[in-house]
Every structure is written in C-alpha cells, then in structure tokens.
C-alpha cells in the first residue's frame, strides 16, 4: 500500500500539486501522520532525483549542440580553404574539429 501511495504522490507532485495538499489527501484516507511524513519524504527524494536527471539531460544536449557547431565551423573552414585555393591546397583545421568533438564527449554519460 505504501508503494502505491508513494507513486501517487510522485505523480501528483510532478503534475504540480503541493506537498501540503498531498498531506491533506492522505489524512482524508485515514493514513497515520508518521506514515504520511515517511511517504512524503520518499516521494520528495524520487521527485528531486527525477528533476536532477532531467536537468542533466538538458545540459548534455546543450553540450552536444555546441560541439556540433564548433566542429561544423572547423569543417567549413577546411572546405573554405580548399575552395579559396582553387583546389591546389587545403588547410585542415584540426583544432576546431577536435575541440567540437571533445565538447560533445565532455558530458556524455
């Protein structure tokens, strides 16, 4: 029963309900006050863990996007040097390309 109540509280909290509202709902279901506090504590840990994971995923996507841009600039510079020289020579801009790849790998996990 406790697991079902914890799941319910987590779902409701993620949908915007406050913990005081959840406490009142649990009290109306004749759940003991100590049990309510334990359920809310467990639900809070789960909600916080969920929010941290979501934020971490957003940061990871940001790093990946910045890495693509930097690597893309390096590739464009390499192609531009080839076009500018008329195909006679090319300057491979390994710095921006490797930096972009490195940034993409930083927050991998």
Protein backbone atom coordinates (compact mmCIF):
# COMPACT_ATOMS: atom_id res chain seq x y z
CA UNK A 1 0.00 0.00 0.00
CA UNK A 2 2.82 2.39 0.83
CA UNK A 3 4.38 1.95 -2.63
CA UNK A 4 1.08 2.80 -4.31
CA UNK A 5 0.72 5.93 -2.17
CA UNK A 6 4.30 6.97 -2.91
CA UNK A 7 3.71 6.50 -6.64
CA UNK A 8 0.51 8.52 -6.40
CA UNK A 9 2.28 11.35 -4.53
CA UNK A 10 5.15 11.42 -7.03
CA UNK A 11 2.74 11.58 -9.95
CA UNK A 12 0.68 14.34 -8.36
CA UNK A 13 3.76 16.35 -7.36
CA UNK A 14 5.15 16.16 -10.91
CA UNK A 15 1.76 17.42 -12.10
CA UNK A 16 2.04 20.49 -9.86
CA UNK A 17 0.29 19.59 -6.65
CA UNK A 18 1.87 20.84 -3.40
CA UNK A 19 3.01 18.58 -0.59
CA UNK A 20 0.54 20.19 1.83
CA UNK A 21 -2.33 19.23 -0.50
CA UNK A 22 -0.96 15.71 -0.71
CA UNK A 23 -0.68 15.51 3.09
CA UNK A 24 -4.32 16.60 3.42
CA UNK A 25 -5.43 13.99 0.86
CA UNK A 26 -3.54 11.24 2.68
CA UNK A 27 -5.01 12.34 6.01
CA UNK A 28 -8.51 12.09 4.50
CA UNK A 29 -7.66 8.49 3.52
CA UNK A 30 -7.01 7.77 7.23
CA UNK A 31 -3.25 7.32 6.82
CA UNK A 32 -1.28 7.73 10.06
CA UNK A 33 0.61 11.06 10.40
CA UNK A 34 4.01 9.34 10.79
CA UNK A 35 3.27 7.24 7.70
CA UNK A 36 2.26 10.39 5.78
CA UNK A 37 5.57 12.04 6.64
CA UNK A 38 7.51 8.96 5.53
CA UNK A 39 5.56 8.72 2.26
CA UNK A 40 6.14 12.41 1.53
CA UNK A 41 9.86 12.07 2.33
CA UNK A 42 10.26 9.13 -0.08
CA UNK A 43 8.19 10.86 -2.77
CA UNK A 44 10.27 14.02 -2.38
CA UNK A 45 13.52 12.09 -2.92
CA UNK A 46 12.10 10.50 -6.07
CA UNK A 47 10.86 13.85 -7.41
CA UNK A 48 14.19 15.57 -6.76
CA UNK A 49 16.11 12.72 -8.42
CA UNK A 50 13.79 12.95 -11.42
CA UNK A 51 14.27 16.72 -11.74
CA UNK A 52 18.07 16.45 -11.46
CA UNK A 53 18.15 13.78 -14.14
CA UNK A 54 16.00 15.91 -16.43
CA UNK A 55 18.27 18.94 -15.92
CA UNK A 56 21.35 16.78 -16.54
CA UNK A 57 19.89 15.55 -19.82
CA UNK A 58 19.20 19.14 -20.91
CA UNK A 59 22.79 20.15 -20.13
CA UNK A 60 24.08 17.14 -22.04
CA UNK A 61 22.04 18.19 -25.10
CA UNK A 62 23.41 21.73 -24.84
CA UNK A 63 26.99 20.50 -24.84
CA UNK A 64 26.28 18.23 -27.79
CA UNK A 65 24.77 21.10 -29.79
CA UNK A 66 27.70 23.42 -29.05
CA UNK A 67 30.10 20.64 -30.06
CA UNK A 68 28.32 20.18 -33.38
CA UNK A 69 28.56 23.92 -34.07
CA UNK A 70 32.28 24.12 -33.27
CA UNK A 71 33.07 21.02 -35.32
CA UNK A 72 30.91 22.36 -38.15
CA UNK A 73 32.86 25.62 -38.16
CA UNK A 74 36.12 23.67 -38.39
CA UNK A 75 34.83 21.58 -41.28
CA UNK A 76 33.52 24.69 -43.05
CA UNK A 77 36.92 26.38 -42.62
CA UNK A 78 38.66 23.32 -44.07
CA UNK A 79 36.34 23.23 -47.09
CA UNK A 80 36.65 27.02 -47.45
CA UNK A 81 40.44 26.80 -47.59
CA UNK A 82 40.17 24.19 -50.33
CA UNK A 83 37.76 26.32 -52.36
CA UNK A 84 39.75 29.53 -51.80
CA UNK A 85 42.97 27.93 -53.06
CA UNK A 86 41.22 26.62 -56.16
CA UNK A 87 41.83 23.01 -55.17
CA UNK A 88 45.63 23.37 -55.12
CA UNK A 89 45.99 23.05 -51.36
CA UNK A 90 43.95 22.61 -48.24
CA UNK A 91 44.39 23.74 -44.64
CA UNK A 92 42.89 21.16 -42.34
CA UNK A 93 41.62 23.00 -39.26
CA UNK A 94 42.00 20.14 -36.85
CA UNK A 95 41.72 22.43 -33.79
CA UNK A 96 38.06 23.40 -34.09
CA UNK A 97 37.07 19.96 -35.33
CA UNK A 98 38.72 18.17 -32.41
CA UNK A 99 37.51 20.81 -29.94
CA UNK A 100 33.94 20.31 -31.15
CA UNK A 101 34.23 16.56 -30.82
CA UNK A 102 35.76 17.00 -27.37
CA UNK A 103 32.91 19.23 -26.20
CA UNK A 104 30.39 16.66 -27.40
CA UNK A 105 32.15 13.98 -25.33
CA UNK A 106 32.52 16.02 -22.11
CA UNK A 107 29.05 15.47 -20.68
CA UNK A 108 28.49 12.05 -22.13
CA UNK A 109 27.07 9.57 -19.76
